């Protein structure tokens, strides 16, 4: 049976019941590939990225020093190269020129990091920790799962199978405006932190960088900062730090100190160019 016909016949009329069923993570993982394939995710992600960057007021792209752009891109791509969950997925890393201390990932392999974050971290290890955390949201399908668990599924169907260009454009705009794929759970955040430790360790970078970044957020904004990934439901920051420390202690090859392989001098040179 044609996959497009199957989706349109059943999903729009039963989206409430279907969303309830998909709220079970195991069922979501089993059915996700049937609802949104890898190619579908790439198509959606490319559309979302184009829509985001078209809004130059809310998401102004950084076009400053090319060394900064190349550095963030090279660190991100190197981290993406060591993960084996989705080795064939191409990743992109885009800097947004805003003072917010934020970064986010969208389906399809696209990660955005703000100049406000770049100016407030102190080492390549911290940058790597944040980027690895965002990479993990993609490799673990966190954003895609959110799109198949709720009302966003109808919009996804319109984008993938619609024939009217204005309806498709409207569906893309609605999904980007709602940012449904960024409303992640506490478990999603714990999992992304866990994989951040693994990815940075495998890349030869101290995984304590993510812990250092979270300590900065804790000292400056308290237990529940609403700045970094503000749409997600985060655990308390101190609990995330404790979980990362435990993960580092049981990760083979991870430095057990907080001072080696941070690459502070390297990063400070880049930071001075922003």
Protein backbone atom coordinates (compact mmCIF):
# COMPACT_ATOMS: atom_id res chain seq x y z
CA UNK A 1 0.00 0.00 0.00
CA UNK A 2 1.25 3.49 -0.76
CA UNK A 3 2.79 5.01 2.38
CA UNK A 4 1.33 8.46 1.65
CA UNK A 5 -2.18 7.05 1.32
CA UNK A 6 -1.79 5.08 4.53
CA UNK A 7 -0.82 8.18 6.51
CA UNK A 8 -3.59 10.37 5.19
CA UNK A 9 -6.24 7.74 5.62
CA UNK A 10 -5.60 7.01 9.26
CA UNK A 11 -3.56 9.66 11.01
CA UNK A 12 -5.45 12.96 10.71
CA UNK A 13 -8.73 11.48 11.90
CA UNK A 14 -7.19 9.67 14.85
CA UNK A 15 -4.40 12.02 15.86
CA UNK A 16 -5.58 12.36 19.46
CA UNK A 17 -5.71 8.61 20.10
CA UNK A 18 -2.55 8.02 18.11
CA UNK A 19 -0.66 10.70 20.06
CA UNK A 20 -1.73 9.06 23.31
CA UNK A 21 -0.44 5.68 22.12
CA UNK A 22 2.83 7.24 20.96
CA UNK A 23 3.39 8.85 24.35
CA UNK A 24 4.87 5.47 25.31
CA UNK A 25 8.54 5.82 24.38
CA UNK A 26 8.95 2.19 23.33
CA UNK A 27 6.07 2.44 20.90
CA UNK A 28 7.39 5.76 19.58
CA UNK A 29 10.78 4.21 18.87
CA UNK A 30 9.17 1.27 17.06
CA UNK A 31 6.79 3.29 14.90
CA UNK A 32 8.88 6.42 14.26
CA UNK A 33 10.65 5.00 11.18
CA UNK A 34 7.27 4.16 9.67
CA UNK A 35 6.00 7.69 10.22
CA UNK A 36 9.09 9.77 9.49
CA UNK A 37 11.88 8.06 7.56
CA UNK A 38 15.51 9.20 7.56
CA UNK A 39 14.93 10.90 4.20
CA UNK A 40 11.77 12.53 5.55
CA UNK A 41 13.68 13.87 8.54
CA UNK A 42 16.38 15.32 6.28
CA UNK A 43 13.74 17.02 4.12
CA UNK A 44 11.97 18.42 7.18
CA UNK A 45 15.20 19.57 8.79
CA UNK A 46 16.34 21.39 5.66
CA UNK A 47 12.98 23.14 5.43
CA UNK A 48 13.08 24.13 9.10
CA UNK A 49 16.61 25.47 8.82
CA UNK A 50 15.72 27.58 5.78
CA UNK A 51 12.65 28.94 7.59
CA UNK A 52 14.66 29.76 10.71
CA UNK A 53 17.36 31.62 8.81
CA UNK A 54 14.78 33.53 6.78
CA UNK A 55 13.69 35.22 10.02
CA UNK A 56 16.71 37.50 10.27
CA UNK A 57 15.24 39.46 13.17
CA UNK A 58 14.74 36.51 15.49
CA UNK A 59 17.58 34.36 14.14
CA UNK A 60 20.28 36.65 12.69
CA UNK A 61 23.10 34.57 11.28
CA UNK A 62 26.60 35.46 12.44
CA UNK A 63 28.69 36.64 9.51
CA UNK A 64 31.65 37.99 11.46
CA UNK A 65 35.13 36.57 11.73
CA UNK A 66 35.48 33.49 9.52
CA UNK A 67 37.93 31.91 11.94
CA UNK A 68 35.16 31.75 14.55
CA UNK A 69 32.76 30.17 12.08
CA UNK A 70 35.34 27.62 10.94
CA UNK A 71 36.30 26.78 14.52
CA UNK A 72 32.76 26.05 15.71
CA UNK A 73 32.05 24.08 12.55
CA UNK A 74 35.24 22.02 12.86
CA UNK A 75 34.66 21.16 16.53
CA UNK A 76 31.06 20.22 15.80
CA UNK A 77 31.86 18.09 12.76
CA UNK A 78 34.67 16.31 14.58
CA UNK A 79 32.33 15.42 17.44
CA UNK A 80 29.67 14.24 14.96
CA UNK A 81 32.27 12.03 13.29
CA UNK A 82 32.95 10.00 16.45
CA UNK A 83 29.34 9.06 17.12
CA UNK A 84 28.08 5.79 15.64
CA UNK A 85 24.33 6.09 16.26
CA UNK A 86 23.77 7.93 12.97
CA UNK A 87 27.10 7.93 11.10
CA UNK A 88 25.61 8.78 7.71
CA UNK A 89 23.69 11.85 8.81
CA UNK A 90 25.35 15.11 7.70
CA UNK A 91 25.53 17.72 10.46
CA UNK A 92 25.64 21.50 10.10
CA UNK A 93 26.64 24.06 12.73
CA UNK A 94 25.36 27.63 12.44
CA UNK A 95 26.17 30.59 14.69
CA UNK A 96 23.37 33.04 15.48
CA UNK A 97 24.39 36.60 16.31
CA UNK A 98 22.44 37.18 19.53
CA UNK A 99 23.43 37.73 23.14
CA UNK A 100 21.32 34.85 24.47
CA UNK A 101 23.19 32.02 26.16
CA UNK A 102 21.58 29.34 24.09
CA UNK A 103 21.99 26.55 21.57
CA UNK A 104 19.48 24.19 19.99
CA UNK A 105 19.23 21.29 17.59
CA UNK A 106 16.56 20.59 14.99
CA UNK A 107 15.82 17.32 13.20
CA UNK A 108 17.93 16.51 10.18
CA UNK A 109 21.32 17.28 11.73
CA UNK A 110 21.20 21.07 12.13
CA UNK A 111 22.62 22.73 15.25
CA UNK A 112 22.52 26.42 16.14
CA UNK A 113 24.70 28.13 18.73
CA UNK A 114 24.41 31.75 19.86
CA UNK A 115 27.26 34.24 20.14
CA UNK A 116 26.02 34.94 23.68
CA UNK A 117 26.93 31.37 24.60
CA UNK A 118 30.29 31.54 22.81
CA UNK A 119 31.19 34.68 24.78
CA UNK A 120 30.31 33.09 28.11
CA UNK A 121 32.22 29.83 27.92
CA UNK A 122 35.90 29.49 28.69
CA UNK A 123 37.28 26.49 26.85
CA UNK A 124 36.96 24.25 23.82
CA UNK A 125 35.93 21.54 26.27
CA UNK A 126 32.85 23.57 27.26
CA UNK A 127 31.97 24.27 23.64
CA UNK A 128 32.42 20.59 22.81
CA UNK A 129 30.21 19.58 25.73
CA UNK A 130 27.38 21.83 24.54
CA UNK A 131 27.71 20.77 20.89
CA UNK A 132 27.91 17.08 21.83
CA UNK A 133 24.75 17.53 23.94
CA UNK A 134 22.94 18.99 20.92
CA UNK A 135 24.31 16.29 18.62
CA UNK A 136 22.88 13.70 21.00
CA UNK A 137 19.41 15.25 20.78
CA UNK A 138 19.60 14.47 17.05
CA UNK A 139 21.26 11.05 17.18
CA UNK A 140 18.71 9.93 19.79
CA UNK A 141 15.77 11.26 17.69
CA UNK A 142 14.48 13.50 20.49
CA UNK A 143 13.09 16.19 18.19
CA UNK A 144 11.63 13.73 15.70
CA UNK A 145 9.92 11.87 18.52
CA UNK A 146 8.19 15.08 19.56
CA UNK A 147 6.89 15.56 16.04
CA UNK A 148 5.22 12.14 15.95
CA UNK A 149 3.79 12.36 19.47
CA UNK A 150 1.51 15.36 19.05
CA UNK A 151 -0.58 17.53 16.78
CA UNK A 152 2.57 18.34 14.80
CA UNK A 153 2.10 15.07 12.93
CA UNK A 154 -0.61 16.60 10.74
CA UNK A 155 1.72 19.45 9.81
CA UNK A 156 4.47 16.96 9.04
CA UNK A 157 2.12 15.10 6.68
CA UNK A 158 1.31 18.37 4.92
CA UNK A 159 4.99 19.19 4.44
CA UNK A 160 5.96 15.75 3.19
CA UNK A 161 2.96 14.92 1.05
CA UNK A 162 1.07 18.13 0.38
CA UNK A 163 0.64 19.36 -3.17
CA UNK A 164 -0.29 22.97 -2.44
CA UNK A 165 2.83 25.09 -2.02
CA UNK A 166 1.14 27.67 0.19
CA UNK A 167 -0.14 24.97 2.56
CA UNK A 168 3.31 23.43 2.75
CA UNK A 169 4.91 26.80 3.46
CA UNK A 170 2.28 27.48 6.12
CA UNK A 171 2.89 24.12 7.78
CA UNK A 172 6.65 24.73 7.87
CA UNK A 173 6.12 28.19 9.36
CA UNK A 174 3.70 26.82 11.97
CA UNK A 175 6.09 24.09 13.08
CA UNK A 176 9.03 26.48 13.31
CA UNK A 177 6.92 29.03 15.19
CA UNK A 178 5.71 26.44 17.71
CA UNK A 179 9.18 24.82 17.94
CA UNK A 180 7.45 21.58 18.89
CA UNK A 181 10.67 19.67 18.26
CA UNK A 182 12.44 21.65 21.00
CA UNK A 183 10.01 20.86 23.82
CA UNK A 184 12.07 18.05 25.26
CA UNK A 185 11.66 16.10 28.48
CA UNK A 186 13.87 15.69 31.55
CA UNK A 187 14.82 12.22 30.37
CA UNK A 188 15.82 13.64 26.99
CA UNK A 189 18.13 16.10 28.71
CA UNK A 190 19.68 13.44 30.94
CA UNK A 191 20.25 11.21 27.91
CA UNK A 192 21.83 14.06 25.92
CA UNK A 193 24.15 14.84 28.84
CA UNK A 194 25.12 11.16 29.06
CA UNK A 195 25.97 10.94 25.37
CA UNK A 196 27.79 14.25 25.55
CA UNK A 197 30.21 12.59 27.97
CA UNK A 198 30.70 9.71 25.57
CA UNK A 199 31.14 11.79 22.43
CA UNK A 200 33.62 14.22 23.98
CA UNK A 201 35.62 11.38 25.54
CA UNK A 202 35.80 9.57 22.20
CA UNK A 203 36.95 12.84 20.60
CA UNK A 204 39.82 13.18 23.07
CA UNK A 205 38.30 16.17 24.84
CA UNK A 206 37.64 16.37 28.58
CA UNK A 207 33.92 15.63 29.13
CA UNK A 208 33.97 17.87 32.20
CA UNK A 209 33.31 20.80 29.83
CA UNK A 210 29.55 20.28 29.96
CA UNK A 211 29.76 20.13 33.75
CA UNK A 212 31.72 23.40 33.82
CA UNK A 213 29.12 25.06 31.60
CA UNK A 214 26.28 23.88 33.83
CA UNK A 215 28.13 25.14 36.92
CA UNK A 216 28.34 28.53 35.25
CA UNK A 217 24.59 28.47 34.65
CA UNK A 218 23.97 27.35 38.23
CA UNK A 219 26.12 30.11 39.72
CA UNK A 220 24.63 32.82 37.55
CA UNK A 221 21.00 31.79 37.12
CA UNK A 222 20.17 29.23 39.80
CA UNK A 223 18.73 25.74 39.64
CA UNK A 224 16.25 26.26 36.81
CA UNK A 225 17.67 28.69 34.24
CA UNK A 226 15.24 29.59 31.48
CA UNK A 227 17.90 30.65 29.02
CA UNK A 228 19.66 27.53 27.74
CA UNK A 229 17.17 25.40 25.75
CA UNK A 230 14.31 27.32 27.40
CA UNK A 231 11.49 25.22 25.87
CA UNK A 232 12.73 21.94 27.35
CA UNK A 233 11.72 20.59 30.74
CA UNK A 234 15.10 20.48 32.45
CA UNK A 235 16.11 18.61 35.59
CA UNK A 236 17.55 20.80 38.33
CA UNK A 237 20.98 21.97 37.23
CA UNK A 238 22.73 20.51 40.28
CA UNK A 239 21.15 17.14 39.53
CA UNK A 240 22.45 17.28 35.96
CA UNK A 241 25.94 18.10 37.24
CA UNK A 242 25.85 15.15 39.63
CA UNK A 243 24.64 12.83 36.88
CA UNK A 244 27.44 13.98 34.55
CA UNK A 245 30.05 13.42 37.27
CA UNK A 246 28.78 9.85 37.77
CA UNK A 247 28.78 9.24 34.03
CA UNK A 248 32.36 10.49 33.71
CA UNK A 249 33.47 8.20 36.58
CA UNK A 250 32.18 5.11 34.76
CA UNK A 251 33.16 6.06 31.21
CA UNK A 252 36.29 4.22 30.00
CA UNK A 253 39.00 6.59 28.86
CA UNK A 254 37.42 9.71 30.33
CA UNK A 255 39.86 11.95 32.24
CA UNK A 256 39.06 11.80 35.92
CA UNK A 257 40.35 15.33 36.53
CA UNK A 258 38.84 18.68 35.61
CA UNK A 259 41.97 20.32 34.26
CA UNK A 260 43.43 18.27 31.40
CA UNK A 261 42.34 18.37 27.75
CA UNK A 262 40.24 21.52 28.21
CA UNK A 263 42.03 23.49 25.48
CA UNK A 264 41.46 26.84 27.17
CA UNK A 265 44.20 28.80 25.42
CA UNK A 266 42.97 27.66 22.03
CA UNK A 267 39.45 28.77 22.78
CA UNK A 268 40.42 32.11 24.31
CA UNK A 269 42.05 33.09 21.02
CA UNK A 270 38.81 32.34 19.15
CA UNK A 271 36.70 34.03 21.80
CA UNK A 272 38.68 37.24 21.33
CA UNK A 273 37.63 37.30 17.67
CA UNK A 274 33.87 37.16 18.23
